């Protein structure tokens, strides 16, 4: 009984999101128009207010429409996975499939869903071939002057760039900063 209630509630919510997406959101951010207007004004100071308003009158509804389409497609995909997962769980609880098949099918569902969602954020354009670079940085005058000091007990602190985003200084010297991808 709990199983069917859980499946009905989660599936019902997904179905409502698919059928009536406007029930949960209007797909506009708070003050989106005014914020976007200010961003356009700063980015294009020569544009008149009427020009910006004309562009925004096209962009804002199109953005809301795109958000609604994404929401409904995700709700539909979610509903499909809920129904498939509920079916495989029901088959397992009825002892019609064994544990290995049950785990394998659920793992397949999870991986299929993760793959499709992850490809939205990391697609083929995000990956490039490894490039061989013999010398990534060329030393400047300050680097050459610092390298004249042959003692081993010094650290370089580069004040011209944020220390947590500087890999160049660490390439030539022992530095106080340095970049970490972590």
N, C-alpha and C. Protein backbone atom coordinates (compact mmCIF):
# COMPACT_ATOMS: atom_id res chain seq x y z
N UNK A 1 0.82 -1.20 0.00
CA UNK A 1 0.00 0.00 0.00
C UNK A 1 0.87 1.27 0.00
N UNK A 2 1.91 1.28 0.83
CA UNK A 2 2.81 2.44 0.91
C UNK A 2 3.52 2.65 -0.42
N UNK A 3 3.89 1.54 -1.04
CA UNK A 3 4.58 1.62 -2.33
C UNK A 3 3.70 2.33 -3.36
N UNK A 4 2.44 1.93 -3.48
CA UNK A 4 1.55 2.53 -4.47
C UNK A 4 1.25 3.99 -4.15
N UNK A 5 1.12 4.31 -2.87
CA UNK A 5 0.89 5.71 -2.47
C UNK A 5 2.11 6.55 -2.85
N UNK A 6 3.31 6.05 -2.57
CA UNK A 6 4.54 6.79 -2.90
C UNK A 6 4.67 7.01 -4.40
N UNK A 7 4.40 5.95 -5.16
CA UNK A 7 4.49 6.06 -6.62
C UNK A 7 3.45 7.03 -7.15
N UNK A 8 2.24 6.97 -6.59
CA UNK A 8 1.17 7.86 -7.05
C UNK A 8 1.46 9.32 -6.70
N UNK A 9 1.99 9.57 -5.52
CA UNK A 9 2.28 10.95 -5.11
C UNK A 9 3.41 11.53 -5.96
N UNK A 10 4.53 10.80 -6.08
CA UNK A 10 5.65 11.34 -6.86
C UNK A 10 5.30 11.44 -8.34
N UNK A 11 4.65 10.42 -8.85
CA UNK A 11 4.21 10.47 -10.26
C UNK A 11 3.17 11.55 -10.48
N UNK A 12 2.27 11.74 -9.51
CA UNK A 12 1.25 12.78 -9.63
C UNK A 12 1.84 14.17 -9.66
N UNK A 13 2.83 14.41 -8.81
CA UNK A 13 3.49 15.72 -8.82
C UNK A 13 4.18 15.96 -10.16
N UNK A 14 4.87 14.95 -10.67
CA UNK A 14 5.54 15.08 -11.97
C UNK A 14 4.51 15.32 -13.08
N UNK A 15 3.38 14.61 -13.01
CA UNK A 15 2.33 14.80 -14.01
C UNK A 15 1.73 16.20 -13.94
N UNK A 16 1.51 16.70 -12.74
CA UNK A 16 1.00 18.08 -12.59
C UNK A 16 2.00 19.09 -13.16
N UNK A 17 3.26 18.87 -12.90
CA UNK A 17 4.29 19.77 -13.45
C UNK A 17 4.29 19.74 -14.97
N UNK A 18 4.02 18.58 -15.54
CA UNK A 18 4.00 18.46 -16.99
C UNK A 18 2.75 19.08 -17.59
N UNK A 19 1.60 18.82 -16.99
CA UNK A 19 0.33 19.26 -17.55
C UNK A 19 0.05 20.73 -17.25
N UNK A 20 0.39 21.18 -16.04
CA UNK A 20 0.11 22.56 -15.64
C UNK A 20 1.37 23.22 -15.08
N UNK A 21 2.35 23.50 -15.91
CA UNK A 21 3.60 24.06 -15.39
C UNK A 21 3.44 25.45 -14.78
N UNK A 22 2.46 26.22 -15.24
CA UNK A 22 2.24 27.55 -14.70
C UNK A 22 1.71 27.54 -13.28
N UNK A 23 1.30 26.39 -12.79
CA UNK A 23 0.80 26.26 -11.43
C UNK A 23 1.92 26.45 -10.40
N UNK A 24 3.15 26.16 -10.81
CA UNK A 24 4.28 26.19 -9.89
C UNK A 24 5.17 27.41 -10.07
N UNK A 25 5.12 28.04 -11.21
CA UNK A 25 6.00 29.18 -11.48
C UNK A 25 5.46 29.98 -12.66
N UNK A 26 5.81 31.27 -12.69
CA UNK A 26 5.48 32.07 -13.87
C UNK A 26 6.68 32.16 -14.81
N UNK A 27 7.79 31.53 -14.42
CA UNK A 27 9.01 31.44 -15.23
C UNK A 27 9.67 32.78 -15.47
N UNK A 28 9.43 33.72 -14.56
CA UNK A 28 10.12 35.01 -14.56
C UNK A 28 10.82 35.17 -13.22
N UNK A 29 12.02 35.72 -13.25
CA UNK A 29 12.70 36.04 -12.01
C UNK A 29 12.13 37.35 -11.47
N UNK A 30 12.25 37.55 -10.18
CA UNK A 30 11.80 38.79 -9.56
C UNK A 30 12.62 39.95 -10.12
N UNK A 31 11.95 40.99 -10.55
CA UNK A 31 12.59 42.19 -11.12
C UNK A 31 13.49 41.87 -12.32
N UNK A 32 13.16 40.83 -13.04
CA UNK A 32 13.98 40.43 -14.18
C UNK A 32 14.06 41.53 -15.24
N UNK A 33 12.91 42.15 -15.53
CA UNK A 33 12.89 43.17 -16.57
C UNK A 33 13.81 44.33 -16.21
N UNK A 34 13.67 44.85 -14.98
CA UNK A 34 14.47 46.02 -14.59
C UNK A 34 15.95 45.67 -14.47
N UNK A 35 16.26 44.49 -13.96
CA UNK A 35 17.66 44.09 -13.85
C UNK A 35 18.30 43.94 -15.23
N UNK A 36 17.58 43.30 -16.14
CA UNK A 36 18.10 43.11 -17.49
C UNK A 36 18.22 44.45 -18.20
N UNK A 37 17.26 45.34 -17.96
CA UNK A 37 17.32 46.67 -18.55
C UNK A 37 18.61 47.38 -18.11
N UNK A 38 18.92 47.31 -16.81
CA UNK A 38 20.13 47.97 -16.30
C UNK A 38 21.39 47.34 -16.88
N UNK A 39 21.40 46.02 -17.05
CA UNK A 39 22.56 45.35 -17.63
C UNK A 39 22.77 45.79 -19.08
N UNK A 40 21.67 45.89 -19.83
CA UNK A 40 21.76 46.37 -21.22
C UNK A 40 22.25 47.81 -21.25
N UNK A 41 21.74 48.62 -20.35
CA UNK A 41 22.12 50.04 -20.31
C UNK A 41 23.61 50.18 -20.03
N UNK A 42 24.13 49.37 -19.11
CA UNK A 42 25.57 49.43 -18.80
C UNK A 42 26.41 48.89 -19.95
N UNK A 43 25.93 47.84 -20.60
CA UNK A 43 26.68 47.24 -21.69
C UNK A 43 26.63 48.03 -22.98
N UNK A 44 25.54 48.76 -23.18
CA UNK A 44 25.37 49.56 -24.40
C UNK A 44 24.89 50.95 -24.00
N UNK A 45 25.79 51.79 -23.51
CA UNK A 45 25.37 53.11 -23.01
C UNK A 45 24.81 54.04 -24.10
N UNK A 46 25.12 53.78 -25.36
CA UNK A 46 24.62 54.64 -26.43
C UNK A 46 23.21 54.27 -26.86
N UNK A 47 22.73 53.10 -26.44
CA UNK A 47 21.38 52.66 -26.83
C UNK A 47 20.34 53.48 -26.07
N UNK A 48 19.28 53.82 -26.75
CA UNK A 48 18.21 54.58 -26.10
C UNK A 48 17.34 53.64 -25.27
N UNK A 49 16.58 54.22 -24.34
CA UNK A 49 15.69 53.42 -23.50
C UNK A 49 14.66 52.68 -24.35
N UNK A 50 14.18 53.33 -25.41
CA UNK A 50 13.18 52.69 -26.28
C UNK A 50 13.77 51.49 -27.02
N UNK A 51 15.03 51.61 -27.45
CA UNK A 51 15.67 50.49 -28.13
C UNK A 51 15.82 49.30 -27.18
N UNK A 52 16.25 49.59 -25.97
CA UNK A 52 16.43 48.52 -24.99
C UNK A 52 15.09 47.89 -24.65
N UNK A 53 14.06 48.70 -24.46
CA UNK A 53 12.73 48.18 -24.15
C UNK A 53 12.21 47.31 -25.29
N UNK A 54 12.47 47.70 -26.51
CA UNK A 54 12.04 46.92 -27.66
C UNK A 54 12.70 45.55 -27.67
N UNK A 55 14.00 45.53 -27.40
CA UNK A 55 14.72 44.26 -27.35
C UNK A 55 14.21 43.40 -26.20
N UNK A 56 14.02 44.00 -25.04
CA UNK A 56 13.56 43.25 -23.88
C UNK A 56 12.14 42.73 -24.06
N UNK A 57 11.32 43.46 -24.79
CA UNK A 57 9.95 42.99 -25.04
C UNK A 57 9.95 41.71 -25.87
N UNK A 58 11.02 41.47 -26.62
CA UNK A 58 11.16 40.22 -27.36
C UNK A 58 11.86 39.14 -26.54
N UNK A 59 12.89 39.54 -25.78
CA UNK A 59 13.73 38.58 -25.08
C UNK A 59 13.05 37.98 -23.85
N UNK A 60 12.43 38.81 -23.03
CA UNK A 60 11.86 38.33 -21.76
C UNK A 60 10.78 37.27 -21.98
N UNK A 61 9.80 37.49 -22.88
CA UNK A 61 8.82 36.42 -23.11
C UNK A 61 9.44 35.16 -23.72
N UNK A 62 10.44 35.34 -24.59
CA UNK A 62 11.10 34.17 -25.19
C UNK A 62 11.85 33.37 -24.12
N UNK A 63 12.48 34.07 -23.18
CA UNK A 63 13.18 33.37 -22.09
C UNK A 63 12.19 32.61 -21.22
N UNK A 64 11.06 33.22 -20.91
CA UNK A 64 10.04 32.53 -20.10
C UNK A 64 9.50 31.31 -20.84
N UNK A 65 9.30 31.43 -22.13
CA UNK A 65 8.81 30.31 -22.94
C UNK A 65 9.83 29.17 -22.95
N UNK A 66 11.11 29.51 -23.07
CA UNK A 66 12.17 28.50 -23.07
C UNK A 66 12.25 27.81 -21.71
N UNK A 67 12.15 28.60 -20.63
CA UNK A 67 12.17 28.01 -19.29
C UNK A 67 11.00 27.07 -19.08
N UNK A 68 9.83 27.46 -19.58
CA UNK A 68 8.64 26.62 -19.44
C UNK A 68 8.83 25.31 -20.21
N UNK A 69 9.41 25.39 -21.40
CA UNK A 69 9.63 24.19 -22.20
C UNK A 69 10.62 23.25 -21.51
N UNK A 70 11.68 23.79 -20.94
CA UNK A 70 12.65 22.98 -20.21
C UNK A 70 11.98 22.31 -19.01
N UNK A 71 11.18 23.08 -18.28
CA UNK A 71 10.49 22.56 -17.10
C UNK A 71 9.55 21.42 -17.47
N UNK A 72 8.76 21.60 -18.51
CA UNK A 72 7.80 20.56 -18.88
C UNK A 72 8.51 19.32 -19.43
N UNK A 73 9.58 19.51 -20.19
CA UNK A 73 10.29 18.33 -20.70
C UNK A 73 10.96 17.56 -19.56
N UNK A 74 11.50 18.28 -18.57
CA UNK A 74 12.09 17.61 -17.41
C UNK A 74 11.01 16.90 -16.59
N UNK A 75 9.85 17.52 -16.47
CA UNK A 75 8.75 16.88 -15.73
C UNK A 75 8.30 15.60 -16.45
N UNK A 76 8.21 15.64 -17.76
CA UNK A 76 7.84 14.45 -18.53
C UNK A 76 8.86 13.35 -18.39
N UNK A 77 10.14 13.72 -18.48
CA UNK A 77 11.20 12.72 -18.32
C UNK A 77 11.17 12.14 -16.91
N UNK A 78 10.93 12.98 -15.92
CA UNK A 78 10.84 12.52 -14.54
C UNK A 78 9.69 11.54 -14.37
N UNK A 79 8.55 11.86 -14.95
CA UNK A 79 7.39 10.97 -14.87
C UNK A 79 7.70 9.60 -15.49
N UNK A 80 8.36 9.61 -16.62
CA UNK A 80 8.73 8.34 -17.26
C UNK A 80 9.64 7.52 -16.36
N UNK A 81 10.65 8.15 -15.76
CA UNK A 81 11.55 7.42 -14.88
C UNK A 81 10.85 6.94 -13.61
N UNK A 82 9.90 7.72 -13.09
CA UNK A 82 9.14 7.28 -11.91
C UNK A 82 8.33 6.03 -12.25
N UNK A 83 7.66 6.05 -13.39
CA UNK A 83 6.85 4.90 -13.79
C UNK A 83 7.75 3.67 -14.03
N UNK A 84 8.86 3.85 -14.73
CA UNK A 84 9.76 2.72 -14.99
C UNK A 84 10.36 2.17 -13.69
N UNK A 85 10.80 3.07 -12.81
CA UNK A 85 11.38 2.62 -11.55
C UNK A 85 10.34 1.93 -10.68
N UNK A 86 9.13 2.49 -10.64
CA UNK A 86 8.06 1.85 -9.85
C UNK A 86 7.77 0.46 -10.41
N UNK A 87 7.76 0.33 -11.72
CA UNK A 87 7.52 -0.97 -12.33
C UNK A 87 8.58 -1.99 -11.97
N UNK A 88 9.83 -1.59 -12.03
CA UNK A 88 10.91 -2.54 -11.73
C UNK A 88 10.92 -2.86 -10.24
N UNK A 89 10.60 -1.89 -9.39
CA UNK A 89 10.52 -2.16 -7.95
C UNK A 89 9.36 -3.12 -7.66
N UNK A 90 8.26 -2.92 -8.31
CA UNK A 90 7.10 -3.80 -8.11
C UNK A 90 7.44 -5.23 -8.55
N UNK A 91 8.10 -5.35 -9.71
CA UNK A 91 8.50 -6.68 -10.17
C UNK A 91 9.44 -7.35 -9.17
N UNK A 92 10.34 -6.57 -8.60
CA UNK A 92 11.28 -7.13 -7.62
C UNK A 92 10.57 -7.56 -6.34
N UNK A 93 9.64 -6.72 -5.85
CA UNK A 93 8.92 -7.08 -4.62
C UNK A 93 8.01 -8.29 -4.83
N UNK A 94 7.57 -8.52 -6.06
CA UNK A 94 6.74 -9.69 -6.37
C UNK A 94 7.56 -10.92 -6.69
N UNK A 95 8.90 -10.79 -6.56
CA UNK A 95 9.84 -11.89 -6.81
C UNK A 95 9.80 -12.39 -8.25
N UNK A 96 9.51 -11.50 -9.18
CA UNK A 96 9.48 -11.88 -10.59
C UNK A 96 10.83 -11.66 -11.28
N UNK A 97 11.69 -10.88 -10.65
CA UNK A 97 13.05 -10.69 -11.16
C UNK A 97 14.02 -10.84 -9.99
N UNK A 98 15.25 -11.24 -10.29
CA UNK A 98 16.23 -11.43 -9.22
C UNK A 98 16.94 -10.13 -8.88
N UNK A 99 17.72 -10.18 -7.82
CA UNK A 99 18.38 -8.99 -7.28
C UNK A 99 19.35 -8.37 -8.28
N UNK A 100 20.11 -9.20 -8.98
CA UNK A 100 21.10 -8.67 -9.93
C UNK A 100 20.43 -7.92 -11.07
N UNK A 101 19.36 -8.47 -11.61
CA UNK A 101 18.65 -7.78 -12.69
C UNK A 101 18.02 -6.49 -12.18
N UNK A 102 17.43 -6.56 -11.01
CA UNK A 102 16.82 -5.37 -10.39
C UNK A 102 17.86 -4.26 -10.23
N UNK A 103 19.00 -4.59 -9.64
CA UNK A 103 20.05 -3.60 -9.42
C UNK A 103 20.60 -3.08 -10.76
N UNK A 104 20.77 -3.98 -11.71
CA UNK A 104 21.30 -3.57 -13.01
C UNK A 104 20.37 -2.63 -13.75
N UNK A 105 19.07 -2.92 -13.72
CA UNK A 105 18.10 -2.06 -14.42
C UNK A 105 18.00 -0.70 -13.73
N UNK A 106 17.96 -0.69 -12.38
CA UNK A 106 17.93 0.60 -11.67
C UNK A 106 19.19 1.41 -11.94
N UNK A 107 20.34 0.74 -11.97
CA UNK A 107 21.59 1.43 -12.28
C UNK A 107 21.55 1.99 -13.70
N UNK A 108 21.00 1.24 -14.62
CA UNK A 108 20.85 1.73 -16.00
C UNK A 108 19.97 2.98 -16.05
N UNK A 109 18.83 2.95 -15.33
CA UNK A 109 17.94 4.13 -15.28
C UNK A 109 18.68 5.35 -14.73
N UNK A 110 19.41 5.14 -13.65
CA UNK A 110 20.14 6.25 -13.01
C UNK A 110 21.19 6.80 -13.97
N UNK A 111 21.95 5.93 -14.59
CA UNK A 111 23.00 6.38 -15.51
C UNK A 111 22.42 7.07 -16.74
N UNK A 112 21.31 6.55 -17.26
CA UNK A 112 20.68 7.18 -18.43
C UNK A 112 20.21 8.58 -18.08
N UNK A 113 19.61 8.73 -16.91
CA UNK A 113 19.14 10.05 -16.50
C UNK A 113 20.31 11.00 -16.25
N UNK A 114 21.32 10.53 -15.55
CA UNK A 114 22.49 11.39 -15.27
C UNK A 114 23.20 11.80 -16.55
N UNK A 115 23.34 10.88 -17.47
CA UNK A 115 24.02 11.19 -18.73
C UNK A 115 23.31 12.32 -19.47
N UNK A 116 21.99 12.20 -19.61
CA UNK A 116 21.25 13.22 -20.35
C UNK A 116 21.28 14.58 -19.66
N UNK A 117 21.16 14.60 -18.36
CA UNK A 117 21.20 15.88 -17.64
C UNK A 117 22.62 16.46 -17.68
N UNK A 118 23.61 15.64 -17.44
CA UNK A 118 24.99 16.13 -17.43
C UNK A 118 25.45 16.65 -18.78
N UNK A 119 24.95 16.07 -19.87
CA UNK A 119 25.34 16.55 -21.20
C UNK A 119 24.84 17.97 -21.46
N UNK A 120 23.85 18.43 -20.72
CA UNK A 120 23.41 19.82 -20.86
C UNK A 120 24.51 20.78 -20.40
N UNK A 121 25.24 20.37 -19.38
CA UNK A 121 26.22 21.26 -18.78
C UNK A 121 27.63 21.01 -19.28
N UNK A 122 27.95 19.77 -19.57
CA UNK A 122 29.26 19.42 -20.11
C UNK A 122 29.05 18.64 -21.39
N UNK A 123 29.07 19.36 -22.50
CA UNK A 123 28.90 18.68 -23.79
C UNK A 123 30.24 18.61 -24.51
N UNK A 124 30.23 18.14 -25.72
CA UNK A 124 31.47 17.92 -26.46
C UNK A 124 32.28 19.19 -26.68
N UNK A 125 31.62 20.34 -26.68
CA UNK A 125 32.33 21.60 -26.87
C UNK A 125 33.19 21.97 -25.67
N UNK A 126 32.90 21.36 -24.49
CA UNK A 126 33.65 21.67 -23.29
C UNK A 126 34.97 20.91 -23.19
N UNK A 127 35.20 19.98 -24.08
CA UNK A 127 36.40 19.17 -24.02
C UNK A 127 37.26 19.45 -25.25
N UNK A 128 38.52 19.67 -25.02
CA UNK A 128 39.44 19.93 -26.12
C UNK A 128 40.62 18.95 -26.01
N UNK A 129 41.31 18.81 -27.09
CA UNK A 129 42.47 17.92 -27.10
C UNK A 129 43.59 18.53 -26.26
N UNK A 130 44.36 17.66 -25.66
CA UNK A 130 45.49 18.10 -24.86
C UNK A 130 46.52 18.76 -25.79
N UNK A 131 47.03 19.91 -25.36
CA UNK A 131 48.01 20.63 -26.15
C UNK A 131 49.38 20.51 -25.48
N UNK A 132 50.37 20.23 -26.28
CA UNK A 132 51.73 20.16 -25.75
C UNK A 132 52.33 21.57 -25.76
N UNK A 133 52.70 22.04 -24.57
CA UNK A 133 53.28 23.36 -24.44
C UNK A 133 54.65 23.18 -23.78
N UNK A 134 55.67 23.58 -24.48
CA UNK A 134 57.02 23.43 -23.92
C UNK A 134 57.28 24.48 -22.85
N UNK A 135 56.93 25.72 -23.12
CA UNK A 135 57.14 26.80 -22.16
C UNK A 135 55.85 27.60 -22.06
N UNK A 136 55.06 27.38 -21.02
CA UNK A 136 53.78 28.07 -20.93
C UNK A 136 53.90 29.56 -20.64
N UNK A 137 54.98 29.97 -19.96
CA UNK A 137 55.15 31.38 -19.63
C UNK A 137 56.55 31.84 -20.01
N UNK A 138 56.67 33.09 -20.37
CA UNK A 138 57.97 33.70 -20.62
C UNK A 138 58.30 34.60 -19.43
N UNK A 139 59.53 34.51 -18.91
CA UNK A 139 59.88 35.37 -17.77
C UNK A 139 59.97 36.83 -18.18
N UNK A 140 59.47 37.69 -17.30
CA UNK A 140 59.60 39.14 -17.57
C UNK A 140 60.79 39.67 -16.76
N UNK A 141 60.96 40.97 -16.78
CA UNK A 141 62.10 41.59 -16.09
C UNK A 141 62.12 41.30 -14.60
N UNK A 142 60.96 41.34 -13.95
CA UNK A 142 60.90 41.06 -12.52
C UNK A 142 61.28 39.61 -12.23
N UNK A 143 60.83 38.70 -13.07
CA UNK A 143 61.17 37.29 -12.87
C UNK A 143 62.69 37.09 -13.00
N UNK A 144 63.28 37.69 -14.01
CA UNK A 144 64.72 37.55 -14.22
C UNK A 144 65.51 38.13 -13.06
N UNK A 145 65.05 39.27 -12.52
CA UNK A 145 65.75 39.88 -11.39
C UNK A 145 65.64 38.99 -10.15
N UNK A 146 64.48 38.42 -9.92
CA UNK A 146 64.30 37.55 -8.75
C UNK A 146 65.12 36.27 -8.90
N UNK A 147 65.23 35.76 -10.12
CA UNK A 147 65.98 34.52 -10.34
C UNK A 147 67.48 34.69 -10.12
N UNK A 148 67.96 35.92 -10.07
CA UNK A 148 69.39 36.15 -9.78
C UNK A 148 69.72 35.78 -8.34
N UNK A 149 68.72 35.83 -7.45
CA UNK A 149 68.93 35.43 -6.05
C UNK A 149 68.95 33.91 -6.01
N UNK A 150 70.09 33.34 -5.69
CA UNK A 150 70.23 31.88 -5.72
C UNK A 150 70.00 31.23 -4.36
N UNK A 151 69.69 32.00 -3.34
CA UNK A 151 69.43 31.39 -2.03
C UNK A 151 68.12 30.61 -2.09
N UNK A 152 68.00 29.63 -1.25
CA UNK A 152 66.85 28.75 -1.30
C UNK A 152 65.77 29.15 -0.30
N UNK A 153 65.95 30.23 0.43
CA UNK A 153 65.02 30.56 1.51
C UNK A 153 64.21 31.84 1.22
N UNK A 154 63.58 31.89 0.08
CA UNK A 154 62.77 33.06 -0.24
C UNK A 154 61.43 32.60 -0.80
N UNK A 155 60.46 33.46 -0.70
CA UNK A 155 59.15 33.25 -1.31
C UNK A 155 58.78 34.53 -2.04
N UNK A 156 58.09 34.39 -3.14
CA UNK A 156 57.68 35.54 -3.94
C UNK A 156 56.19 35.75 -3.75
N UNK A 157 55.79 36.98 -3.46
CA UNK A 157 54.39 37.34 -3.34
C UNK A 157 54.08 38.36 -4.43
N UNK A 158 53.31 37.95 -5.41
CA UNK A 158 52.98 38.81 -6.55
C UNK A 158 51.75 39.64 -6.19
N UNK A 159 51.93 40.93 -6.09
CA UNK A 159 50.82 41.82 -5.73
C UNK A 159 50.07 42.35 -6.94
N UNK A 160 50.48 41.96 -8.13
CA UNK A 160 49.81 42.48 -9.33
C UNK A 160 48.61 41.65 -9.75
N UNK A 161 48.40 40.53 -9.09
CA UNK A 161 47.29 39.64 -9.44
C UNK A 161 46.82 38.96 -8.16
N UNK A 162 45.59 38.49 -8.16
CA UNK A 162 45.09 37.78 -6.97
C UNK A 162 45.94 36.55 -6.73
N UNK A 163 46.43 36.37 -5.50
CA UNK A 163 47.34 35.25 -5.25
C UNK A 163 46.71 33.86 -5.43
N UNK A 164 45.40 33.75 -5.29
CA UNK A 164 44.77 32.44 -5.45
C UNK A 164 44.46 32.11 -6.90
N UNK A 165 44.76 33.03 -7.81
CA UNK A 165 44.50 32.78 -9.23
C UNK A 165 45.76 32.92 -10.07
N UNK A 166 46.90 32.80 -9.43
CA UNK A 166 48.15 33.06 -10.12
C UNK A 166 48.99 31.78 -10.22
N UNK A 167 49.10 31.25 -11.42
CA UNK A 167 49.97 30.09 -11.62
C UNK A 167 51.30 30.52 -12.22
N UNK A 168 51.34 31.70 -12.78
CA UNK A 168 52.54 32.19 -13.45
C UNK A 168 53.70 32.36 -12.47
N UNK A 169 53.44 32.98 -11.32
CA UNK A 169 54.50 33.20 -10.33
C UNK A 169 55.05 31.87 -9.84
N UNK A 170 54.18 30.91 -9.58
CA UNK A 170 54.60 29.59 -9.10
C UNK A 170 55.39 28.83 -10.15
N UNK A 171 55.22 29.16 -11.40
CA UNK A 171 55.96 28.49 -12.47
C UNK A 171 57.45 28.81 -12.37
N UNK A 172 57.79 30.06 -12.01
CA UNK A 172 59.18 30.49 -11.95
C UNK A 172 59.78 30.47 -10.55
N UNK A 173 58.97 30.63 -9.53
CA UNK A 173 59.49 30.85 -8.18
C UNK A 173 58.70 30.04 -7.15
N UNK A 174 59.27 29.98 -5.94
CA UNK A 174 58.51 29.50 -4.80
C UNK A 174 57.63 30.68 -4.39
N UNK A 175 56.34 30.49 -4.41
CA UNK A 175 55.47 31.64 -4.17
C UNK A 175 54.60 31.44 -2.94
N UNK A 176 54.04 32.53 -2.47
CA UNK A 176 53.10 32.48 -1.35
C UNK A 176 51.70 32.13 -1.84
N UNK A 177 51.41 32.45 -3.07
CA UNK A 177 50.09 32.17 -3.63
C UNK A 177 50.16 30.95 -4.50
N UNK A 178 49.30 30.95 -5.48
CA UNK A 178 49.28 29.86 -6.45
C UNK A 178 47.87 29.43 -6.73
N UNK A 179 47.65 28.91 -7.89
CA UNK A 179 46.32 28.49 -8.32
C UNK A 179 46.09 27.03 -8.00
N UNK A 180 44.92 26.73 -7.53
CA UNK A 180 44.53 25.33 -7.33
C UNK A 180 43.17 25.14 -7.94
N UNK A 181 43.04 24.16 -8.82
CA UNK A 181 41.75 23.86 -9.43
C UNK A 181 40.75 23.32 -8.43
N UNK A 182 41.22 22.83 -7.31
CA UNK A 182 40.34 22.31 -6.28
C UNK A 182 39.58 23.44 -5.67
